[in-house]
Amino acid sequence: MEPSSSAGPGERTTPLIFSSLAPAVDGLRRWSDARPYGEKRQGCVDIRAEILDLKLRVEDLESTTERARESREQEELLREVIDRSKRLQAEMAALRADLAQARAGLGEEVAAVGTEVAGVRRAVAAPAKPRAGEGVEEGDVRTEIAVEFAVIRSEIEHEFNFLRSEVMDLAVKLDRLSPGAE
């Protein structure tokens, strides 16, 4: 008789869960086969019912164990999620503090730039006054600003031309590396 099919007709069949129960089940079957016919019939049904009951109890125990294991895994995942969310909240608080500090610093910077722009506007709007010992050309703020802008414009133009040549060079190299360019 096969150890995984021990239920009678009309009974629920369940596989043996633990291989260590197989010898005990086989021993009970041999014992029931050795009894006289009347006792054997009644004892066999009782033993099969007990075996079925044991199997069901083992299955319940295993499912409970599996649910407990799943529950522990879910608890661990939940703890990990909580820990990560706490770390993220702490990092967000630190970022908010840094952002507030940067805003304050930026506000001060903007105020300083505004003060400087106002000073430049006053200087540009004022009529040109020669400084003591200097000619009109050297003391004129407008002329100084125009010279500075010309220098900055030439530097920017030089950088732009350099970047354009670099981009063209990279485009040529990419064309060489492209598989369809052969």
N, C-alpha and C. Protein backbone atom coordinates (compact mmCIF):
# COMPACT_ATOMS: atom_id res chain seq x y z
N MET A 1 0.83 -1.17 0.00
CA MET A 1 0.00 0.00 0.00
C MET A 1 0.88 1.24 0.00
N GLU A 2 0.47 2.27 -0.69
CA GLU A 2 1.25 3.50 -0.84
C GLU A 2 1.08 4.37 0.40
N PRO A 3 2.17 4.91 0.99
CA PRO A 3 2.06 5.67 2.22
C PRO A 3 1.32 6.99 2.07
N SER A 4 1.18 7.54 0.87
CA SER A 4 0.52 8.83 0.75
C SER A 4 -0.99 8.70 0.57
N SER A 5 -1.51 7.49 0.40
CA SER A 5 -2.94 7.30 0.18
C SER A 5 -3.47 6.32 1.20
N SER A 6 -3.84 6.79 2.41
CA SER A 6 -4.26 5.87 3.46
C SER A 6 -5.73 6.01 3.81
N ALA A 7 -6.49 6.86 3.11
CA ALA A 7 -7.90 7.05 3.44
C ALA A 7 -8.74 6.03 2.70
N GLY A 8 -9.84 5.66 3.30
CA GLY A 8 -10.74 4.69 2.69
C GLY A 8 -11.64 5.37 1.69
N PRO A 9 -12.57 4.60 1.10
CA PRO A 9 -13.47 5.19 0.11
C PRO A 9 -14.39 6.22 0.78
N GLY A 10 -14.56 7.37 0.11
CA GLY A 10 -15.41 8.42 0.63
C GLY A 10 -14.72 9.31 1.65
N GLU A 11 -13.51 8.95 2.07
CA GLU A 11 -12.78 9.78 3.03
C GLU A 11 -11.85 10.72 2.27
N ARG A 12 -11.48 11.78 2.92
CA ARG A 12 -10.56 12.75 2.33
C ARG A 12 -9.16 12.15 2.30
N THR A 13 -8.51 12.22 1.16
CA THR A 13 -7.14 11.71 1.07
C THR A 13 -6.18 12.87 1.23
N THR A 14 -5.21 12.69 2.07
CA THR A 14 -4.19 13.71 2.29
C THR A 14 -2.84 13.04 2.23
N PRO A 15 -1.86 13.68 1.65
CA PRO A 15 -0.53 13.08 1.59
C PRO A 15 0.12 13.11 2.97
N LEU A 16 1.02 12.17 3.19
CA LEU A 16 1.78 12.18 4.44
C LEU A 16 2.70 13.38 4.44
N ILE A 17 2.69 14.13 5.49
CA ILE A 17 3.45 15.36 5.54
C ILE A 17 4.90 15.10 5.88
N PHE A 18 5.12 14.35 6.92
CA PHE A 18 6.48 14.08 7.35
C PHE A 18 6.86 12.66 6.96
N SER A 19 8.02 12.51 6.41
CA SER A 19 8.47 11.17 6.02
C SER A 19 8.72 10.31 7.26
N SER A 20 8.92 10.93 8.40
CA SER A 20 9.15 10.16 9.62
C SER A 20 7.88 9.46 10.10
N LEU A 21 6.70 9.86 9.63
CA LEU A 21 5.45 9.19 10.01
C LEU A 21 5.20 7.93 9.20
N ALA A 22 5.85 7.79 8.05
CA ALA A 22 5.60 6.65 7.17
C ALA A 22 5.85 5.30 7.86
N PRO A 23 6.95 5.10 8.59
CA PRO A 23 7.14 3.80 9.24
C PRO A 23 6.05 3.51 10.29
N ALA A 24 5.61 4.53 10.99
CA ALA A 24 4.57 4.32 12.01
C ALA A 24 3.26 3.91 11.35
N VAL A 25 2.93 4.56 10.23
CA VAL A 25 1.70 4.22 9.52
C VAL A 25 1.78 2.79 8.99
N ASP A 26 2.90 2.43 8.42
CA ASP A 26 3.07 1.06 7.91
C ASP A 26 2.96 0.03 9.03
N GLY A 27 3.53 0.36 10.19
CA GLY A 27 3.44 -0.55 11.35
C GLY A 27 2.00 -0.71 11.80
N LEU A 28 1.25 0.37 11.82
CA LEU A 28 -0.16 0.28 12.21
C LEU A 28 -0.96 -0.54 11.21
N ARG A 29 -0.65 -0.44 9.95
CA ARG A 29 -1.36 -1.24 8.92
C ARG A 29 -1.04 -2.72 9.09
N ARG A 30 0.23 -3.05 9.33
CA ARG A 30 0.58 -4.47 9.52
C ARG A 30 -0.10 -5.03 10.76
N TRP A 31 -0.15 -4.20 11.79
CA TRP A 31 -0.79 -4.64 13.03
C TRP A 31 -2.27 -4.88 12.79
N SER A 32 -2.92 -3.99 12.00
CA SER A 32 -4.35 -4.16 11.76
C SER A 32 -4.59 -5.35 10.85
N ASP A 33 -3.67 -5.67 9.94
CA ASP A 33 -3.83 -6.83 9.05
C ASP A 33 -3.66 -8.13 9.83
N ALA A 34 -2.91 -8.13 10.91
CA ALA A 34 -2.65 -9.35 11.68
C ALA A 34 -3.81 -9.69 12.61
N ARG A 35 -4.76 -8.83 12.80
CA ARG A 35 -5.87 -9.09 13.73
C ARG A 35 -6.93 -9.95 13.05
N PRO A 36 -7.78 -10.64 13.84
CA PRO A 36 -8.88 -11.41 13.26
C PRO A 36 -9.81 -10.51 12.46
N TYR A 37 -10.63 -11.13 11.58
CA TYR A 37 -11.40 -10.39 10.60
C TYR A 37 -12.33 -9.35 11.22
N GLY A 38 -13.10 -9.67 12.19
CA GLY A 38 -14.06 -8.74 12.80
C GLY A 38 -13.34 -7.60 13.48
N GLU A 39 -12.32 -7.95 14.26
CA GLU A 39 -11.56 -6.91 14.95
C GLU A 39 -10.78 -6.08 13.94
N LYS A 40 -10.31 -6.79 12.91
CA LYS A 40 -9.49 -6.13 11.91
C LYS A 40 -10.30 -5.04 11.22
N ARG A 41 -11.51 -5.34 10.86
CA ARG A 41 -12.36 -4.39 10.14
C ARG A 41 -12.61 -3.16 11.01
N GLN A 42 -13.00 -3.37 12.24
CA GLN A 42 -13.30 -2.26 13.14
C GLN A 42 -12.01 -1.50 13.48
N GLY A 43 -10.94 -2.19 13.79
CA GLY A 43 -9.67 -1.57 14.16
C GLY A 43 -9.07 -0.79 13.00
N CYS A 44 -9.21 -1.32 11.79
CA CYS A 44 -8.66 -0.67 10.62
C CYS A 44 -9.33 0.68 10.40
N VAL A 45 -10.63 0.74 10.54
CA VAL A 45 -11.35 1.98 10.36
C VAL A 45 -10.93 2.98 11.44
N ASP A 46 -10.82 2.49 12.71
CA ASP A 46 -10.40 3.37 13.79
C ASP A 46 -8.99 3.91 13.55
N ILE A 47 -8.11 3.03 13.13
CA ILE A 47 -6.72 3.44 12.91
C ILE A 47 -6.65 4.42 11.75
N ARG A 48 -7.41 4.12 10.69
CA ARG A 48 -7.40 5.04 9.56
C ARG A 48 -7.96 6.40 9.96
N ALA A 49 -8.98 6.41 10.77
CA ALA A 49 -9.55 7.67 11.24
C ALA A 49 -8.54 8.42 12.09
N GLU A 50 -7.83 7.68 12.94
CA GLU A 50 -6.81 8.33 13.77
C GLU A 50 -5.68 8.87 12.91
N ILE A 51 -5.27 8.08 11.91
CA ILE A 51 -4.21 8.53 11.01
C ILE A 51 -4.66 9.78 10.26
N LEU A 52 -5.89 9.76 9.77
CA LEU A 52 -6.42 10.92 9.08
C LEU A 52 -6.46 12.13 10.01
N ASP A 53 -6.88 11.90 11.25
CA ASP A 53 -6.92 12.98 12.23
C ASP A 53 -5.51 13.52 12.47
N LEU A 54 -4.54 12.61 12.60
CA LEU A 54 -3.15 13.05 12.80
C LEU A 54 -2.64 13.85 11.60
N LYS A 55 -2.97 13.37 10.41
CA LYS A 55 -2.55 14.08 9.21
C LYS A 55 -3.14 15.49 9.17
N LEU A 56 -4.41 15.59 9.49
CA LEU A 56 -5.06 16.89 9.48
C LEU A 56 -4.45 17.83 10.53
N ARG A 57 -4.13 17.27 11.68
CA ARG A 57 -3.52 18.07 12.73
C ARG A 57 -2.13 18.55 12.31
N VAL A 58 -1.36 17.65 11.63
CA VAL A 58 -0.03 18.02 11.15
C VAL A 58 -0.15 19.11 10.09
N GLU A 59 -1.13 18.98 9.18
CA GLU A 59 -1.32 20.00 8.15
C GLU A 59 -1.68 21.34 8.79
N ASP A 60 -2.57 21.30 9.80
CA ASP A 60 -2.93 22.54 10.51
C ASP A 60 -1.71 23.16 11.17
N LEU A 61 -0.90 22.31 11.79
CA LEU A 61 0.31 22.79 12.44
C LEU A 61 1.27 23.42 11.42
N GLU A 62 1.43 22.75 10.28
CA GLU A 62 2.31 23.28 9.24
C GLU A 62 1.78 24.60 8.69
N SER A 63 0.48 24.69 8.45
CA SER A 63 -0.08 25.94 7.92
C SER A 63 0.05 27.06 8.95
N THR A 64 -0.12 26.72 10.23
CA THR A 64 0.06 27.72 11.29
C THR A 64 1.50 28.19 11.32
N THR A 65 2.43 27.23 11.19
CA THR A 65 3.85 27.57 11.17
C THR A 65 4.18 28.45 9.97
N GLU A 66 3.60 28.11 8.82
CA GLU A 66 3.84 28.90 7.61
C GLU A 66 3.28 30.31 7.77
N ARG A 67 2.09 30.42 8.35
CA ARG A 67 1.51 31.75 8.57
C ARG A 67 2.36 32.55 9.54
N ALA A 68 2.88 31.89 10.57
CA ALA A 68 3.73 32.58 11.54
C ALA A 68 5.01 33.07 10.86
N ARG A 69 5.58 32.23 9.98
CA ARG A 69 6.79 32.60 9.26
C ARG A 69 6.50 33.80 8.35
N GLU A 70 5.38 33.75 7.63
CA GLU A 70 5.00 34.85 6.76
C GLU A 70 4.77 36.12 7.58
N SER A 71 4.16 35.95 8.74
CA SER A 71 3.91 37.09 9.62
C SER A 71 5.22 37.71 10.08
N ARG A 72 6.19 36.86 10.44
CA ARG A 72 7.50 37.38 10.85
C ARG A 72 8.18 38.11 9.70
N GLU A 73 8.08 37.55 8.50
CA GLU A 73 8.69 38.19 7.34
C GLU A 73 8.03 39.55 7.09
N GLN A 74 6.70 39.60 7.23
CA GLN A 74 6.00 40.87 7.04
C GLN A 74 6.40 41.87 8.12
N GLU A 75 6.57 41.40 9.34
CA GLU A 75 7.01 42.29 10.42
C GLU A 75 8.40 42.84 10.13
N GLU A 76 9.30 41.99 9.64
CA GLU A 76 10.65 42.44 9.30
C GLU A 76 10.61 43.48 8.18
N LEU A 77 9.79 43.22 7.16
CA LEU A 77 9.67 44.18 6.07
C LEU A 77 9.08 45.49 6.58
N LEU A 78 8.09 45.39 7.45
CA LEU A 78 7.48 46.59 8.00
C LEU A 78 8.49 47.38 8.82
N ARG A 79 9.30 46.68 9.62
CA ARG A 79 10.34 47.37 10.40
C ARG A 79 11.33 48.07 9.47
N GLU A 80 11.71 47.38 8.40
CA GLU A 80 12.65 47.97 7.45
C GLU A 80 12.05 49.21 6.79
N VAL A 81 10.77 49.13 6.42
CA VAL A 81 10.10 50.28 5.81
C VAL A 81 10.04 51.43 6.80
N ILE A 82 9.73 51.13 8.06
CA ILE A 82 9.65 52.18 9.08
C ILE A 82 11.03 52.80 9.30
N ASP A 83 12.07 51.97 9.37
CA ASP A 83 13.43 52.50 9.55
C ASP A 83 13.83 53.39 8.38
N ARG A 84 13.54 52.93 7.17
CA ARG A 84 13.89 53.73 6.00
C ARG A 84 13.11 55.04 5.98
N SER A 85 11.83 54.98 6.33
CA SER A 85 11.04 56.21 6.32
C SER A 85 11.54 57.18 7.39
N LYS A 86 11.98 56.67 8.54
CA LYS A 86 12.54 57.55 9.58
C LYS A 86 13.83 58.20 9.08
N ARG A 87 14.69 57.40 8.41
CA ARG A 87 15.92 57.96 7.86
C ARG A 87 15.61 59.02 6.80
N LEU A 88 14.63 58.73 5.95
CA LEU A 88 14.26 59.70 4.93
C LEU A 88 13.69 60.98 5.55
N GLN A 89 12.91 60.83 6.60
CA GLN A 89 12.38 62.01 7.27
C GLN A 89 13.50 62.84 7.88
N ALA A 90 14.48 62.16 8.47
CA ALA A 90 15.63 62.88 9.05
C ALA A 90 16.42 63.60 7.94
N GLU A 91 16.63 62.90 6.83
CA GLU A 91 17.34 63.52 5.72
C GLU A 91 16.56 64.69 5.14
N MET A 92 15.24 64.55 5.06
CA MET A 92 14.41 65.64 4.55
C MET A 92 14.47 66.84 5.50
N ALA A 93 14.47 66.58 6.80
CA ALA A 93 14.57 67.68 7.76
C ALA A 93 15.91 68.40 7.61
N ALA A 94 16.98 67.62 7.41
CA ALA A 94 18.30 68.22 7.21
C ALA A 94 18.32 69.04 5.91
N LEU A 95 17.70 68.50 4.86
CA LEU A 95 17.64 69.23 3.59
C LEU A 95 16.83 70.52 3.74
N ARG A 96 15.73 70.44 4.49
CA ARG A 96 14.92 71.64 4.72
C ARG A 96 15.73 72.70 5.47
N ALA A 97 16.50 72.27 6.46
CA ALA A 97 17.33 73.22 7.21
C ALA A 97 18.39 73.83 6.28
N ASP A 98 19.01 73.00 5.45
CA ASP A 98 20.00 73.51 4.49
C ASP A 98 19.35 74.48 3.51
N LEU A 99 18.14 74.14 3.06
CA LEU A 99 17.43 75.00 2.12
C LEU A 99 17.08 76.34 2.77
N ALA A 100 16.63 76.30 4.02
CA ALA A 100 16.32 77.55 4.72
C ALA A 100 17.57 78.41 4.88
N GLN A 101 18.67 77.76 5.20
CA GLN A 101 19.94 78.49 5.34
C GLN A 101 20.37 79.07 3.99
N ALA A 102 20.21 78.28 2.93
CA ALA A 102 20.58 78.77 1.59
C ALA A 102 19.68 79.93 1.18
N ARG A 103 18.38 79.84 1.51
CA ARG A 103 17.46 80.94 1.20
C ARG A 103 17.89 82.23 1.92
N ALA A 104 18.25 82.08 3.19
CA ALA A 104 18.68 83.26 3.95
C ALA A 104 19.94 83.85 3.32
N GLY A 105 20.88 82.99 2.97
CA GLY A 105 22.12 83.46 2.33
C GLY A 105 21.84 84.09 0.98
N LEU A 106 20.93 83.49 0.22
CA LEU A 106 20.58 84.03 -1.09
C LEU A 106 19.89 85.38 -0.95
N GLY A 107 19.04 85.50 0.06
CA GLY A 107 18.38 86.78 0.31
C GLY A 107 19.40 87.88 0.59
N GLU A 108 20.41 87.54 1.38
CA GLU A 108 21.47 88.52 1.68
C GLU A 108 22.25 88.87 0.42
N GLU A 109 22.53 87.86 -0.41
CA GLU A 109 23.26 88.08 -1.65
C GLU A 109 22.46 88.98 -2.60
N VAL A 110 21.17 88.70 -2.71
CA VAL A 110 20.32 89.48 -3.60
C VAL A 110 20.25 90.93 -3.11
N ALA A 111 20.14 91.10 -1.80
CA ALA A 111 20.11 92.45 -1.24
C ALA A 111 21.43 93.19 -1.55
N ALA A 112 22.55 92.50 -1.44
CA ALA A 112 23.85 93.13 -1.74
C ALA A 112 23.94 93.49 -3.21
N VAL A 113 23.48 92.59 -4.08
CA VAL A 113 23.51 92.89 -5.52
C VAL A 113 22.60 94.07 -5.82
N GLY A 114 21.44 94.09 -5.18
CA GLY A 114 20.52 95.23 -5.38
C GLY A 114 21.16 96.54 -4.98
N THR A 115 21.89 96.53 -3.87
CA THR A 115 22.58 97.75 -3.42
C THR A 115 23.64 98.16 -4.43
N GLU A 116 24.39 97.21 -4.95
CA GLU A 116 25.42 97.52 -5.94
C GLU A 116 24.82 98.03 -7.23
N VAL A 117 23.72 97.43 -7.68
CA VAL A 117 23.06 97.88 -8.91
C VAL A 117 22.56 99.30 -8.73
N ALA A 118 21.99 99.59 -7.56
CA ALA A 118 21.52 100.96 -7.30
C ALA A 118 22.68 101.95 -7.35
N GLY A 119 23.82 101.54 -6.80
CA GLY A 119 25.01 102.41 -6.85
C GLY A 119 25.48 102.63 -8.26
N VAL A 120 25.49 101.60 -9.08
CA VAL A 120 25.92 101.73 -10.48
C VAL A 120 24.94 102.63 -11.23
N ARG A 121 23.65 102.47 -10.97
CA ARG A 121 22.65 103.32 -11.65
C ARG A 121 22.87 104.80 -11.28
N ARG A 122 23.12 105.04 -10.01
CA ARG A 122 23.38 106.43 -9.59
C ARG A 122 24.62 106.98 -10.29
N ALA A 123 25.66 106.13 -10.36
CA ALA A 123 26.91 106.58 -10.98
C ALA A 123 26.73 106.83 -12.47
N VAL A 124 25.94 105.97 -13.13
CA VAL A 124 25.72 106.13 -14.56
C VAL A 124 24.83 107.34 -14.83
N ALA A 125 23.85 107.56 -13.99
CA ALA A 125 22.91 108.66 -14.19
C ALA A 125 23.52 110.02 -13.87
N ALA A 126 24.54 110.06 -13.03
CA ALA A 126 25.17 111.33 -12.64
C ALA A 126 25.96 111.89 -13.81
N PRO A 127 26.00 113.20 -13.92
CA PRO A 127 26.81 113.78 -15.00
C PRO A 127 28.30 113.52 -14.75
N ALA A 128 29.03 113.41 -15.81
CA ALA A 128 30.45 113.11 -15.72
C ALA A 128 31.18 114.26 -15.06
N LYS A 129 31.90 113.96 -13.99
CA LYS A 129 32.69 114.96 -13.29
C LYS A 129 34.15 114.51 -13.35
N PRO A 130 34.99 115.35 -13.79
CA PRO A 130 36.40 114.96 -13.80
C PRO A 130 36.94 114.91 -12.38
N ARG A 131 37.74 113.91 -12.14
CA ARG A 131 38.37 113.80 -10.82
C ARG A 131 39.53 114.76 -10.76
N ALA A 132 39.95 114.99 -9.57
CA ALA A 132 41.06 115.92 -9.41
C ALA A 132 42.29 115.35 -10.08
N GLY A 133 42.83 116.05 -11.01
CA GLY A 133 44.05 115.64 -11.68
C GLY A 133 43.82 114.67 -12.82
N GLU A 134 42.56 114.29 -13.12
CA GLU A 134 42.29 113.35 -14.21
C GLU A 134 41.47 114.06 -15.27
N GLY A 135 41.54 113.52 -16.46
CA GLY A 135 40.75 114.07 -17.54
C GLY A 135 39.33 113.52 -17.47
N VAL A 136 38.46 114.02 -18.33
CA VAL A 136 37.07 113.61 -18.37
C VAL A 136 36.97 112.14 -18.76
N GLU A 137 37.82 111.66 -19.64
CA GLU A 137 37.76 110.28 -20.12
C GLU A 137 38.02 109.26 -19.02
N GLU A 138 38.99 109.55 -18.16
CA GLU A 138 39.36 108.56 -17.16
C GLU A 138 38.37 108.49 -16.01
N GLY A 139 37.70 109.54 -15.68
CA GLY A 139 36.79 109.56 -14.54
C GLY A 139 35.37 109.23 -14.91
N ASP A 140 35.04 109.01 -16.17
CA ASP A 140 33.67 108.75 -16.59
C ASP A 140 33.30 107.29 -16.31
N VAL A 141 32.27 107.09 -15.51
CA VAL A 141 31.82 105.74 -15.14
C VAL A 141 31.26 105.02 -16.35
N ARG A 142 30.59 105.76 -17.21
CA ARG A 142 30.00 105.13 -18.41
C ARG A 142 31.09 104.54 -19.29
N THR A 143 32.17 105.25 -19.44
CA THR A 143 33.28 104.76 -20.26
C THR A 143 33.90 103.52 -19.62
N GLU A 144 34.05 103.55 -18.31
CA GLU A 144 34.63 102.38 -17.61
C GLU A 144 33.73 101.15 -17.78
N ILE A 145 32.42 101.34 -17.66
CA ILE A 145 31.49 100.22 -17.82
C ILE A 145 31.54 99.69 -19.24
N ALA A 146 31.59 100.59 -20.23
CA ALA A 146 31.65 100.16 -21.63
C ALA A 146 32.91 99.36 -21.90
N VAL A 147 34.02 99.79 -21.33
CA VAL A 147 35.29 99.06 -21.51
C VAL A 147 35.19 97.68 -20.87
N GLU A 148 34.64 97.63 -19.66
CA GLU A 148 34.49 96.32 -18.97
C GLU A 148 33.58 95.38 -19.76
N PHE A 149 32.46 95.91 -20.28
CA PHE A 149 31.56 95.07 -21.08
C PHE A 149 32.22 94.60 -22.35
N ALA A 150 33.04 95.43 -22.97
CA ALA A 150 33.75 95.02 -24.19
C ALA A 150 34.72 93.87 -23.88
N VAL A 151 35.41 93.96 -22.75
CA VAL A 151 36.35 92.90 -22.36
C VAL A 151 35.57 91.60 -22.10
N ILE A 152 34.48 91.72 -21.36
CA ILE A 152 33.67 90.52 -21.04
C ILE A 152 33.08 89.93 -22.30
N ARG A 153 32.60 90.78 -23.20
CA ARG A 153 32.01 90.31 -24.46
C ARG A 153 33.04 89.56 -25.29
N SER A 154 34.26 90.05 -25.36
CA SER A 154 35.31 89.38 -26.15
C SER A 154 35.67 88.04 -25.51
N GLU A 155 35.70 87.98 -24.17
CA GLU A 155 35.98 86.70 -23.49
C GLU A 155 34.88 85.68 -23.77
N ILE A 156 33.64 86.13 -23.72
CA ILE A 156 32.51 85.23 -23.98
C ILE A 156 32.54 84.75 -25.42
N GLU A 157 32.84 85.66 -26.36
CA GLU A 157 32.92 85.27 -27.76
C GLU A 157 34.03 84.25 -27.99
N HIS A 158 35.16 84.45 -27.33
CA HIS A 158 36.27 83.51 -27.45
C HIS A 158 35.85 82.13 -26.92
N GLU A 159 35.20 82.09 -25.76
CA GLU A 159 34.74 80.82 -25.18
C GLU A 159 33.71 80.15 -26.09
N PHE A 160 32.80 80.95 -26.65
CA PHE A 160 31.79 80.41 -27.55
C PHE A 160 32.43 79.78 -28.77
N ASN A 161 33.38 80.46 -29.36
CA ASN A 161 34.07 79.91 -30.54
C ASN A 161 34.81 78.62 -30.19
N PHE A 162 35.44 78.59 -29.02
CA PHE A 162 36.15 77.39 -28.59
C PHE A 162 35.17 76.23 -28.42
N LEU A 163 34.05 76.48 -27.76
CA LEU A 163 33.05 75.42 -27.55
C LEU A 163 32.46 74.95 -28.87
N ARG A 164 32.23 75.87 -29.80
CA ARG A 164 31.69 75.48 -31.10
C ARG A 164 32.66 74.55 -31.83
N SER A 165 33.96 74.88 -31.79
CA SER A 165 34.94 74.02 -32.46
C SER A 165 35.03 72.66 -31.78
N GLU A 166 34.91 72.63 -30.45
CA GLU A 166 34.93 71.35 -29.74
C GLU A 166 33.72 70.49 -30.10
N VAL A 167 32.55 71.12 -30.20
CA VAL A 167 31.34 70.38 -30.58
C VAL A 167 31.47 69.84 -31.98
N MET A 168 31.99 70.62 -32.89
CA MET A 168 32.18 70.14 -34.26
C MET A 168 33.15 68.96 -34.30
N ASP A 169 34.23 69.07 -33.53
CA ASP A 169 35.20 67.99 -33.46
C ASP A 169 34.55 66.71 -32.92
N LEU A 170 33.74 66.85 -31.87
CA LEU A 170 33.04 65.68 -31.32
C LEU A 170 32.05 65.10 -32.31
N ALA A 171 31.38 65.96 -33.08
CA ALA A 171 30.44 65.47 -34.09
C ALA A 171 31.17 64.64 -35.14
N VAL A 172 32.34 65.10 -35.55
CA VAL A 172 33.13 64.35 -36.54
C VAL A 172 33.55 63.00 -35.96
N LYS A 173 33.98 62.99 -34.72
CA LYS A 173 34.37 61.72 -34.08
C LYS A 173 33.20 60.78 -33.94
N LEU A 174 32.04 61.29 -33.58
CA LEU A 174 30.85 60.45 -33.48
C LEU A 174 30.46 59.87 -34.83
N ASP A 175 30.59 60.69 -35.88
CA ASP A 175 30.29 60.18 -37.22
C ASP A 175 31.22 59.05 -37.60
N ARG A 176 32.47 59.15 -37.22
CA ARG A 176 33.44 58.08 -37.48
C ARG A 176 33.10 56.80 -36.73
N LEU A 177 32.60 56.96 -35.50
CA LEU A 177 32.30 55.80 -34.67
C LEU A 177 30.96 55.16 -35.02
N SER A 178 30.08 55.86 -35.67
CA SER A 178 28.76 55.33 -36.00
C SER A 178 28.91 54.18 -36.98
N PRO A 179 28.13 53.10 -36.78
CA PRO A 179 28.28 51.92 -37.66
C PRO A 179 27.82 52.19 -39.09
N GLY A 180 26.91 53.10 -39.33
CA GLY A 180 26.43 53.38 -40.68
C GLY A 180 27.30 54.35 -41.44
N ALA A 181 28.33 54.90 -40.81
CA ALA A 181 29.17 55.92 -41.43
C ALA A 181 30.28 55.32 -42.27
N GLU A 182 30.40 54.03 -42.35
CA GLU A 182 31.51 53.38 -43.06
C GLU A 182 31.35 53.51 -44.51
